Amino acid sequence: MPEIRPATADDLEACARIWYDSISDYLVRLNQPDWPFEPRAITALYRHLQATDPDRFLVAVRSDPTEGAPGGERIVAFVSALVRGSLWFLSMLFVLPEEQATGIGRQLLERVLPDPDSGLALGTATDSAQPISNALYSRYGMVPRMPLLELTGMLRRPESLPDLPDGVSVTTFERIVAGSAAGAGHRELATIVNGLDRGTLGFEHPQDHAWLRTSERRGFLYRSAGGAVVGYGYTSEVGRVGPVAVADPALMAPVLGHLLRAVQPRGAFAVGAPGAAGDTVRMLLEAGLRLEPFPILMCWDTPVTDYARYVPISPGLL
């Protein structure tokens, strides 16, 4: 078996390549078209995961005497998990195609799983086209419970998504921060967002919000006519929408409608819509987005998140 060690910053580009090669391998076997390798976004995510949970980001390496191999070794698999509040979440587990079915994946998973007495709920997001991986995670209690539907495209019929209800106002995160004394705006925003996350996601994750605000995503806060905070959401010019948290499930479609109208994407929009938000999914399809094949499966052993009121950051980071 290969050696397992903590990942370093220098390993992350190799991990991105393993992620791409693994997905491309099974897509080809399913007669799906190949897709270009664009490592920038996934490597940025890996840097964040490795910074927040370094003890749960591991690589499996084999000795490689090939000239130019960094440190005389080759990374053949990696795993990344995170802990946020009461949830342990498996973010990534990928093995090079030629190294699969050797037990490396199971060994990596067992190295990062929490102690059974930790009291942590277990969760992950997997591709529905990967039955072997789904069966592995299910053996540890992370059973597929709900689809996360990838909806992509342009907003061709915006009228299909409802406007925000009368009295609901919108403020950008930047305005909240800029409108207060030094540091006070950040603290106010964190308090608001953390409260919404506790009620919808089930836990706070301020480290992930801090990372999002350094990326290309723009945040918006929604208040009722009486001033109560009723939701937040992120959108971006690269097209990625989420996370979104709303106090009332009926607000999910109007908030997503606002986020899709708030920016002009450089390409297409991409929204990971939970199956629990069925009416919102229907409206997004009516508005012109299309359903991508092979939805993601959200898996857990204990329910934590109200997915009728929450859209994740991505399948790898709730």
Protein backbone atom coordinates (compact mmCIF):
# COMPACT_ATOMS: atom_id res chain seq x y z
CA MET A 1 0.00 0.00 0.00
CA PRO A 2 1.18 3.57 -0.57
CA GLU A 3 2.32 5.84 2.22
CA ILE A 4 -0.31 8.21 3.64
CA ARG A 5 0.72 11.65 4.89
CA PRO A 6 -0.79 15.12 5.41
CA ALA A 7 -1.11 17.17 2.23
CA THR A 8 1.04 20.25 1.77
CA ALA A 9 0.33 23.35 -0.28
CA ASP A 10 2.67 21.99 -2.97
CA ASP A 11 0.46 18.87 -3.34
CA LEU A 12 -2.75 20.64 -4.24
CA GLU A 13 -2.25 20.99 -7.98
CA ALA A 14 -1.51 17.25 -8.20
CA CYS A 15 -4.74 16.61 -6.24
CA ALA A 16 -6.65 18.73 -8.74
CA ARG A 17 -5.25 16.59 -11.55
CA ILE A 18 -6.33 13.38 -9.79
CA TRP A 19 -9.82 14.85 -9.34
CA TYR A 20 -10.02 15.62 -13.05
CA ASP A 21 -8.57 12.30 -14.23
CA SER A 22 -10.90 10.31 -11.98
CA ILE A 23 -14.04 12.10 -13.15
CA SER A 24 -12.98 12.00 -16.81
CA ASP A 25 -12.35 8.26 -16.58
CA TYR A 26 -15.88 7.37 -15.51
CA LEU A 27 -17.50 9.92 -17.83
CA VAL A 28 -15.76 8.33 -20.81
CA ARG A 29 -16.97 4.90 -19.70
CA LEU A 30 -20.50 6.33 -19.60
CA ASN A 31 -20.09 7.65 -23.17
CA GLN A 32 -20.19 11.23 -21.89
CA PRO A 33 -18.09 13.97 -23.51
CA ASP A 34 -14.76 14.88 -21.98
CA TRP A 35 -14.36 18.36 -20.50
CA PRO A 36 -11.39 20.72 -20.27
CA PHE A 37 -9.13 20.73 -17.24
CA GLU A 38 -9.56 24.09 -15.48
CA PRO A 39 -7.70 23.75 -12.17
CA ARG A 40 -7.98 27.31 -10.84
CA ALA A 41 -11.31 27.08 -9.00
CA ILE A 42 -10.85 23.58 -7.59
CA THR A 43 -7.30 24.34 -6.45
CA ALA A 44 -8.57 27.47 -4.67
CA LEU A 45 -11.11 25.29 -2.85
CA TYR A 46 -8.36 22.83 -1.89
CA ARG A 47 -6.25 25.65 -0.48
CA HIS A 48 -9.18 26.68 1.69
CA LEU A 49 -9.87 23.12 2.89
CA GLN A 50 -6.21 22.49 3.61
CA ALA A 51 -5.99 25.76 5.56
CA THR A 52 -9.07 25.11 7.75
CA ASP A 53 -8.76 21.33 8.27
CA PRO A 54 -5.13 20.36 7.59
CA ASP A 55 -5.27 17.17 9.68
CA ARG A 56 -8.15 15.90 7.51
CA PHE A 57 -6.49 16.56 4.14
CA LEU A 58 -4.31 13.54 3.37
CA VAL A 59 -2.53 12.21 0.29
CA ALA A 60 -1.47 8.68 -0.62
CA VAL A 61 1.94 8.56 -2.30
CA ARG A 62 4.07 5.94 -3.98
CA SER A 63 7.80 6.10 -4.50
CA ASP A 64 8.59 7.38 -8.00
CA PRO A 65 12.24 7.59 -9.08
CA THR A 66 11.26 9.31 -12.32
CA GLU A 67 13.40 12.33 -12.99
CA GLY A 68 11.53 15.43 -11.93
CA ALA A 69 9.09 13.68 -9.59
CA PRO A 70 8.77 16.02 -6.57
CA GLY A 71 10.49 14.41 -3.59
CA GLY A 72 10.85 11.18 -5.52
CA GLU A 73 7.17 10.34 -4.98
CA ARG A 74 3.90 10.37 -6.89
CA ILE A 75 0.52 11.23 -5.38
CA VAL A 76 -2.03 8.57 -6.36
CA ALA A 77 -5.03 9.49 -4.18
CA PHE A 78 -6.23 12.07 -1.68
CA VAL A 79 -8.98 12.74 0.83
CA SER A 80 -10.29 15.95 2.39
CA ALA A 81 -12.84 16.19 5.19
CA LEU A 82 -13.97 19.05 7.37
CA VAL A 83 -15.73 19.60 10.67
CA ARG A 84 -18.22 22.42 11.03
CA GLY A 85 -20.19 22.52 14.26
CA SER A 86 -21.90 19.18 14.78
CA LEU A 87 -21.14 17.89 11.26
CA TRP A 88 -18.20 15.93 9.87
CA PHE A 89 -18.34 16.27 6.08
CA LEU A 90 -16.36 14.30 3.50
CA SER A 91 -15.47 16.92 0.92
CA MET A 92 -13.28 14.96 -1.51
CA LEU A 93 -12.03 11.39 -1.97
CA PHE A 94 -10.42 10.63 -5.34
CA VAL A 95 -8.09 7.88 -6.54
CA LEU A 96 -6.26 7.66 -9.85
CA PRO A 97 -8.10 5.28 -12.20
CA GLU A 98 -5.22 2.77 -12.32
CA GLU A 99 -5.09 2.68 -8.50
CA GLN A 100 -8.80 2.10 -7.91
CA ALA A 101 -10.15 -1.15 -6.40
CA THR A 102 -6.93 -1.55 -4.37
CA GLY A 103 -8.34 -0.42 -1.02
CA ILE A 104 -6.59 2.97 -1.02
CA GLY A 105 -9.87 4.90 -0.94
CA ARG A 106 -11.22 2.98 2.05
CA GLN A 107 -7.91 3.37 3.89
CA LEU A 108 -7.89 7.14 3.34
CA LEU A 109 -11.53 7.43 4.43
CA GLU A 110 -10.93 5.51 7.65
CA ARG A 111 -7.94 7.72 8.47
CA VAL A 112 -10.11 10.87 8.53
CA LEU A 113 -13.38 9.54 9.96
CA PRO A 114 -14.15 10.90 13.43
CA ASP A 115 -14.16 8.77 16.55
CA PRO A 116 -17.51 6.92 16.85
CA ASP A 117 -18.03 8.58 20.24
CA SER A 118 -17.48 12.10 18.90
CA GLY A 119 -21.20 12.81 18.58
CA LEU A 120 -20.64 14.25 15.10
CA ALA A 121 -23.13 13.64 12.31
CA LEU A 122 -21.57 12.27 9.11
CA GLY A 123 -22.32 13.63 5.65
CA THR A 124 -21.01 13.84 2.12
CA ALA A 125 -22.06 14.59 -1.47
CA THR A 126 -21.42 12.00 -4.18
CA ASP A 127 -22.01 11.60 -7.89
CA SER A 128 -25.01 9.41 -8.70
CA ALA A 129 -22.95 7.83 -11.49
CA GLN A 130 -20.57 6.31 -8.89
CA PRO A 131 -22.43 3.36 -7.31
CA ILE A 132 -19.27 1.80 -5.86
CA SER A 133 -18.36 4.97 -3.97
CA ASN A 134 -21.97 5.46 -2.87
CA ALA A 135 -22.05 1.93 -1.47
CA LEU A 136 -18.77 2.54 0.40
CA TYR A 137 -20.09 5.67 2.09
CA SER A 138 -23.39 3.99 2.89
CA ARG A 139 -21.55 1.32 4.88
CA TYR A 140 -20.49 4.08 7.25
CA GLY A 141 -24.05 5.40 7.54
CA MET A 142 -23.79 8.12 4.89
CA VAL A 143 -26.73 6.87 2.85
CA PRO A 144 -27.98 8.85 -0.21
CA ARG A 145 -31.06 10.76 0.94
CA MET A 146 -31.69 13.60 -1.54
CA PRO A 147 -30.55 14.77 -4.99
CA LEU A 148 -28.66 18.02 -5.44
CA LEU A 149 -29.70 19.02 -8.95
CA GLU A 150 -27.19 20.91 -11.05
CA LEU A 151 -29.11 23.49 -13.08
CA THR A 152 -27.14 25.47 -15.65
CA GLY A 153 -27.82 27.98 -18.40
CA MET A 154 -29.09 31.50 -18.90
CA LEU A 155 -32.16 33.18 -17.48
CA ARG A 156 -34.15 33.23 -20.71
CA ARG A 157 -37.58 33.64 -19.10
CA PRO A 158 -36.94 35.67 -15.93
CA GLU A 159 -40.66 36.21 -15.40
CA SER A 160 -40.91 32.53 -14.40
CA LEU A 161 -39.14 33.36 -11.14
CA PRO A 162 -41.15 35.50 -8.70
CA ASP A 163 -39.99 38.92 -7.59
CA LEU A 164 -39.12 39.51 -3.96
CA PRO A 165 -42.28 39.99 -1.85
CA ASP A 166 -43.47 43.51 -1.20
CA GLY A 167 -41.48 45.12 1.58
CA VAL A 168 -38.43 42.85 1.32
CA SER A 169 -35.33 44.99 0.85
CA VAL A 170 -31.86 44.02 -0.38
CA THR A 171 -28.47 45.24 0.84
CA THR A 172 -25.07 44.13 -0.39
CA PHE A 173 -22.60 42.71 2.11
CA GLU A 174 -20.14 45.42 1.02
CA ARG A 175 -22.58 48.17 2.01
CA ILE A 176 -23.13 46.68 5.46
CA VAL A 177 -19.38 46.52 6.07
CA ALA A 178 -18.68 49.98 4.65
CA GLY A 179 -21.55 51.62 6.51
CA SER A 180 -20.19 50.91 9.99
CA ALA A 181 -17.12 51.85 11.99
CA ALA A 182 -13.94 49.87 11.39
CA GLY A 183 -14.58 46.24 12.29
CA ALA A 184 -18.17 46.79 13.43
CA GLY A 185 -19.66 46.06 10.00
CA HIS A 186 -17.83 42.75 9.76
CA ARG A 187 -19.03 41.77 13.23
CA GLU A 188 -22.62 42.78 12.45
CA LEU A 189 -22.61 40.81 9.21
CA ALA A 190 -21.07 37.75 10.85
CA THR A 191 -23.71 37.79 13.60
CA ILE A 192 -26.54 37.97 11.06
CA VAL A 193 -25.17 35.28 8.76
CA ASN A 194 -24.29 32.95 11.64
CA GLY A 195 -27.84 33.18 12.94
CA LEU A 196 -29.33 32.24 9.56
CA ASP A 197 -26.86 29.37 9.19
CA ARG A 198 -27.76 27.93 12.60
CA GLY A 199 -31.43 27.90 11.66
CA THR A 200 -31.04 26.41 8.17
CA LEU A 201 -27.68 24.73 7.70
CA GLY A 202 -27.62 23.57 11.31
CA PHE A 203 -24.30 25.12 12.32
CA GLU A 204 -22.13 28.19 11.84
CA HIS A 205 -19.22 28.24 9.37
CA PRO A 206 -17.69 31.72 9.49
CA GLN A 207 -14.39 30.50 8.03
CA ASP A 208 -16.18 29.55 4.82
CA HIS A 209 -17.95 32.91 4.58
CA ALA A 210 -14.62 34.67 5.05
CA TRP A 211 -13.23 32.64 2.15
CA LEU A 212 -16.25 33.39 -0.04
CA ARG A 213 -15.84 37.11 0.49
CA THR A 214 -12.28 36.92 -0.85
CA SER A 215 -13.48 35.06 -3.95
CA GLU A 216 -15.52 36.37 -6.85
CA ARG A 217 -18.89 35.84 -5.16
CA ARG A 218 -21.02 38.81 -4.09
CA GLY A 219 -23.23 38.57 -1.01
CA PHE A 220 -26.71 40.05 -0.50
CA LEU A 221 -28.80 40.36 2.66
CA TYR A 222 -32.62 40.37 2.62
CA ARG A 223 -34.81 42.07 5.24
CA SER A 224 -38.57 42.20 5.76
CA ALA A 225 -40.52 45.44 5.86
CA GLY A 226 -40.13 45.39 9.63
CA GLY A 227 -36.35 45.08 9.39
CA ALA A 228 -36.06 41.38 10.30
CA VAL A 229 -33.39 39.46 8.44
CA VAL A 230 -35.08 36.86 6.23
CA GLY A 231 -32.23 35.55 4.10
CA TYR A 232 -28.85 35.91 2.45
CA GLY A 233 -27.38 34.71 -0.82
CA TYR A 234 -24.28 34.82 -2.99
CA THR A 235 -23.94 35.16 -6.75
CA SER A 236 -21.00 35.78 -9.06
CA GLU A 237 -19.98 36.85 -12.54
CA VAL A 238 -18.43 33.42 -13.07
CA GLY A 239 -22.02 32.13 -12.80
CA ARG A 240 -21.86 30.18 -9.56
CA VAL A 241 -24.83 30.87 -7.24
CA GLY A 242 -24.83 29.92 -3.55
CA PRO A 243 -24.84 29.52 -0.69
CA VAL A 244 -28.36 30.73 -0.02
CA ALA A 245 -30.20 30.62 3.30
CA VAL A 246 -33.79 31.79 3.83
CA ALA A 247 -36.01 31.93 6.91
CA ASP A 248 -39.08 30.76 4.96
CA PRO A 249 -38.97 28.12 2.16
CA ALA A 250 -41.33 30.33 0.14
CA LEU A 251 -38.51 32.88 -0.16
CA MET A 252 -36.09 30.51 -1.91
CA ALA A 253 -37.40 31.08 -5.45
CA PRO A 254 -37.68 34.90 -5.12
CA VAL A 255 -34.18 35.16 -3.61
CA LEU A 256 -32.68 32.97 -6.32
CA GLY A 257 -34.53 35.05 -8.89
CA HIS A 258 -32.92 38.19 -7.50
CA LEU A 259 -29.46 36.60 -7.42
CA LEU A 260 -29.77 35.47 -11.04
CA ARG A 261 -30.81 38.97 -12.11
CA ALA A 262 -28.23 40.81 -9.98
CA VAL A 263 -25.21 40.03 -12.18
CA GLN A 264 -24.49 39.32 -15.83
CA PRO A 265 -22.44 36.13 -15.90
CA ARG A 266 -19.44 35.80 -18.18
CA GLY A 267 -20.77 32.39 -19.19
CA ALA A 268 -23.74 30.42 -17.86
CA PHE A 269 -25.24 30.29 -14.40
CA ALA A 270 -24.86 27.17 -12.25
CA VAL A 271 -27.17 26.50 -9.30
CA GLY A 272 -27.03 23.42 -7.08
CA ALA A 273 -30.72 23.17 -6.19
CA PRO A 274 -31.67 20.66 -3.48
CA GLY A 275 -34.48 18.28 -4.36
CA ALA A 276 -36.23 19.34 -1.16
CA ALA A 277 -36.86 22.72 -2.79
CA GLY A 278 -39.05 21.18 -5.48
CA ASP A 279 -41.10 24.25 -6.42
CA THR A 280 -37.92 26.27 -6.82
CA VAL A 281 -36.43 23.61 -9.11
CA ARG A 282 -39.56 23.72 -11.27
CA MET A 283 -39.39 27.52 -11.55
CA LEU A 284 -35.68 27.49 -12.44
CA LEU A 285 -36.40 25.04 -15.26
CA GLU A 286 -39.28 27.19 -16.48
CA ALA A 287 -36.95 30.21 -16.40
CA GLY A 288 -34.65 28.55 -18.92
CA LEU A 289 -32.02 26.67 -16.93
CA ARG A 290 -31.44 23.05 -17.90
CA LEU A 291 -30.93 19.97 -15.79
CA GLU A 292 -27.47 18.43 -16.04
CA PRO A 293 -27.17 14.61 -16.09
CA PHE A 294 -26.13 12.54 -13.08
CA PRO A 295 -27.23 14.65 -10.12
CA ILE A 296 -25.22 14.79 -6.94
CA LEU A 297 -26.54 12.70 -4.05
CA MET A 298 -26.56 14.29 -0.61
CA CYS A 299 -25.78 11.62 1.97
CA TRP A 300 -25.95 11.61 5.76
CA ASP A 301 -26.40 9.39 8.77
CA THR A 302 -28.17 12.05 10.86
CA PRO A 303 -30.19 14.95 9.41
CA VAL A 304 -28.64 18.35 10.15
CA THR A 305 -29.60 20.74 7.33
CA ASP A 306 -33.02 21.99 6.18
CA TYR A 307 -32.45 21.80 2.43
CA ALA A 308 -35.81 23.41 1.67
CA ARG A 309 -34.22 26.61 3.03
CA TYR A 310 -30.53 26.20 2.15
CA VAL A 311 -28.49 25.93 -1.06
CA PRO A 312 -24.89 24.76 -0.52
CA ILE A 313 -21.71 26.54 -1.58
CA SER A 314 -20.78 23.52 -3.71
CA PRO A 315 -20.92 19.72 -3.42
CA GLY A 316 -17.53 19.86 -1.70
CA LEU A 317 -18.29 22.61 0.81
CA LEU A 318 -21.66 23.09 2.48
